[in-house]
Amino acid sequence: GPITGYKIEAKKGVGSFEVILPNTGNTATTYSHTGLTTATTYYYRVYAINSIGTSGPSGESSAVPKETTTPTLTAIAIAPTQIHLSWTAPSQTYKQSINGYKIEEKIGDSYKVIQDNAGSSTKYTVSGLVTGKPHTYVVSALFSAGSSPRSNEASATPTTTSVPPRSEEHTS
């Protein structure tokens, strides 16, 4: 039968695998594992789920989270005139609370502010865009005493066939 979801397991260092998500409930093949310890190796394996049951585990894959001082940004065209931005907060905030996020569009070599403070959400949809034109964005975390450096640049091009992904990414 067709895949209906995935079971995700992780282990920290030499520990034992633990289930971090018993069933994603969708066929998305991305997952953000947050709240981790920097400079520690995490190992992952996934299982496919269908109407018959759960497969055996995949091979192991590992990752070592590193400290970030900027948000990590992704851009996806979700309609002919819209791009959805999503980001993860920087792990290093210098003991300050994040008061919101500034969103800018890169135009040539300069930046145009799209939103001075988009609030605490880590998602934002830019509307009214020109179909077929690439758009590039950056995001900065806002603190009471200044802001983080700009994030990575993320680009997307809305097309006449752009539609939202079938399922949203899960985060824990």
Protein backbone atom coordinates (compact mmCIF):
# COMPACT_ATOMS: atom_id res chain seq x y z
CA GLY A 1 0.00 0.00 0.00
CA PRO A 2 0.98 3.64 -0.31
CA ILE A 3 3.02 5.28 2.45
CA THR A 4 0.84 7.23 4.89
CA GLY A 5 3.54 8.47 7.29
CA TYR A 6 6.91 7.90 8.87
CA LYS A 7 8.11 6.91 12.33
CA ILE A 8 11.25 8.80 13.38
CA GLU A 9 13.77 7.68 16.00
CA ALA A 10 16.84 9.47 17.33
CA LYS A 11 19.66 8.78 19.75
CA LYS A 12 22.09 11.20 21.35
CA GLY A 13 25.73 10.10 21.25
CA VAL A 14 26.07 6.48 22.38
CA GLY A 15 22.59 6.35 23.92
CA SER A 16 19.69 4.20 22.79
CA PHE A 17 17.30 5.04 19.96
CA GLU A 18 14.07 6.65 21.18
CA VAL A 19 10.93 7.39 19.19
CA ILE A 20 10.67 11.16 18.67
CA LEU A 21 7.63 10.97 16.38
CA PRO A 22 5.55 7.75 16.23
CA ASN A 23 3.79 8.76 12.98
CA THR A 24 4.22 11.94 10.96
CA GLY A 25 0.74 11.34 9.52
CA ASN A 26 1.87 12.61 6.10
CA THR A 27 4.32 11.84 3.33
CA ALA A 28 6.59 14.87 3.87
CA THR A 29 10.23 13.79 3.88
CA THR A 30 11.59 16.66 5.99
CA TYR A 31 11.62 17.03 9.75
CA SER A 32 13.13 19.67 12.03
CA HIS A 33 14.46 18.31 15.33
CA THR A 34 14.81 21.28 17.67
CA GLY A 35 15.97 21.88 21.23
CA LEU A 36 19.20 19.93 20.76
CA THR A 37 22.61 20.28 22.42
CA THR A 38 25.23 21.89 20.19
CA ALA A 39 28.42 19.97 19.37
CA THR A 40 26.73 16.63 20.21
CA THR A 41 26.24 13.88 17.61
CA TYR A 42 22.64 12.78 17.03
CA TYR A 43 21.79 9.63 15.06
CA TYR A 44 18.51 9.13 13.20
CA ARG A 45 16.57 6.38 11.49
CA VAL A 46 13.11 6.34 9.94
CA TYR A 47 10.45 3.74 9.22
CA ALA A 48 7.80 3.92 6.50
CA ILE A 49 4.18 3.37 7.60
CA ASN A 50 1.33 2.13 5.40
CA SER A 51 -2.00 0.35 5.86
CA ILE A 52 -0.19 -2.97 6.39
CA GLY A 53 2.11 -1.72 9.14
CA THR A 54 5.57 -0.29 9.76
CA SER A 55 8.70 -1.14 7.77
CA GLY A 56 12.04 -2.04 9.23
CA PRO A 57 14.40 0.87 10.07
CA SER A 58 16.34 2.82 7.47
CA GLY A 59 20.08 3.05 7.71
CA GLU A 60 21.41 5.47 10.33
CA SER A 61 22.26 9.05 9.52
CA SER A 62 23.97 11.48 11.87
CA ALA A 63 24.19 15.22 12.39
CA VAL A 64 25.96 17.56 14.80
CA PRO A 65 23.99 20.73 15.60
CA LYS A 66 26.10 23.86 15.72
CA GLU A 67 25.48 27.17 17.38
CA THR A 68 23.75 29.70 15.13
CA THR A 69 23.73 33.47 15.54
CA THR A 70 21.21 34.14 12.74
CA PRO A 71 17.83 32.65 11.80
CA THR A 72 17.91 29.86 9.20
CA LEU A 73 15.49 30.78 6.40
CA THR A 74 13.56 28.76 3.77
CA ALA A 75 11.40 30.17 0.96
CA ILE A 76 8.74 28.23 -1.00
CA ALA A 77 6.48 29.56 -3.77
CA ILE A 78 2.95 28.55 -2.71
CA ALA A 79 0.83 30.37 -5.32
CA PRO A 80 1.38 32.32 -8.56
CA THR A 81 1.81 35.54 -6.49
CA GLN A 82 2.86 34.25 -3.04
CA ILE A 83 6.02 32.99 -1.33
CA HIS A 84 5.90 31.38 2.12
CA LEU A 85 8.90 32.07 4.36
CA SER A 86 9.73 29.94 7.40
CA TRP A 87 12.76 30.01 9.66
CA THR A 88 14.30 28.63 12.81
CA ALA A 89 15.44 30.99 15.55
CA PRO A 90 19.17 31.41 16.21
CA SER A 91 20.43 29.19 19.05
CA GLN A 92 22.68 31.96 20.40
CA THR A 93 20.70 35.01 21.54
CA TYR A 94 23.27 36.31 24.04
CA LYS A 95 20.81 35.79 26.92
CA GLN A 96 18.26 38.15 25.32
CA SER A 97 14.69 37.35 24.40
CA ILE A 98 13.72 37.52 20.74
CA ASN A 99 11.12 40.30 20.38
CA GLY A 100 10.21 39.47 16.78
CA TYR A 101 11.69 39.20 13.31
CA LYS A 102 12.46 41.74 10.59
CA ILE A 103 11.87 40.52 7.02
CA GLU A 104 13.68 42.11 4.09
CA GLU A 105 13.70 41.50 0.34
CA LYS A 106 17.05 41.71 -1.42
CA ILE A 107 16.83 43.96 -4.47
CA GLY A 108 20.12 44.23 -6.34
CA ASP A 109 22.77 44.85 -3.67
CA SER A 110 20.42 46.45 -1.12
CA TYR A 111 17.57 45.35 1.12
CA LYS A 112 13.98 46.63 1.27
CA VAL A 113 12.10 46.10 4.54
CA ILE A 114 8.95 44.02 3.95
CA GLN A 115 7.99 43.83 7.64
CA ASP A 116 9.65 45.84 10.46
CA ASN A 117 8.51 43.32 13.07
CA ALA A 118 6.58 40.22 12.02
CA GLY A 119 6.11 39.25 15.69
CA SER A 120 7.17 36.01 17.33
CA SER A 121 5.90 33.69 14.57
CA THR A 122 8.57 31.92 12.52
CA LYS A 123 6.41 31.93 9.37
CA TYR A 124 5.35 34.71 7.01
CA THR A 125 3.64 34.77 3.60
CA VAL A 126 4.60 37.49 1.13
CA SER A 127 1.72 38.28 -1.27
CA GLY A 128 1.21 40.39 -4.38
CA LEU A 129 4.39 39.17 -6.07
CA VAL A 130 5.13 39.16 -9.79
CA THR A 131 4.62 35.68 -11.26
CA GLY A 132 7.79 34.30 -12.87
CA LYS A 133 10.15 36.75 -11.09
CA PRO A 134 12.66 35.39 -8.54
CA HIS A 135 12.45 36.97 -5.08
CA THR A 136 15.19 36.74 -2.41
CA TYR A 137 14.63 37.33 1.31
CA VAL A 138 16.55 37.56 4.59
CA VAL A 139 15.30 37.58 8.19
CA SER A 140 16.87 39.10 11.34
CA ALA A 141 15.94 38.31 14.95
CA LEU A 142 15.07 41.44 16.96
CA PHE A 143 16.29 41.87 20.54
CA SER A 144 15.74 44.72 22.99
CA ALA A 145 19.36 45.72 22.33
CA GLY A 146 19.62 45.49 18.55
CA SER A 147 19.22 42.56 16.17
CA SER A 148 20.97 39.46 14.92
CA PRO A 149 22.90 39.57 11.67
CA ARG A 150 20.78 38.79 8.58
CA SER A 151 19.95 35.15 7.91
CA ASN A 152 21.02 33.21 4.86
CA GLU A 153 19.41 34.40 1.64
CA ALA A 154 16.45 32.27 0.55
CA SER A 155 14.95 32.61 -2.93
CA ALA A 156 11.84 31.36 -4.67
CA THR A 157 10.09 32.10 -7.95
CA PRO A 158 6.27 32.01 -7.97
CA THR A 159 4.98 30.38 -11.16
CA THR A 160 1.54 29.88 -12.67
CA THR A 161 1.66 26.32 -11.31
CA SER A 162 2.93 27.12 -7.78
CA VAL A 163 0.84 25.43 -5.07
CA PRO A 164 1.39 24.82 -1.34
CA PRO A 165 3.22 21.60 -0.42
CA ARG A 166 0.84 18.71 0.31
CA SER A 167 1.72 18.68 3.99
CA GLU A 168 3.36 21.01 6.48
CA GLU A 169 6.67 20.12 8.09
CA HIS A 170 6.41 18.89 11.68
CA THR A 171 8.60 20.31 14.42
CA SER A 172 8.99 19.18 17.97
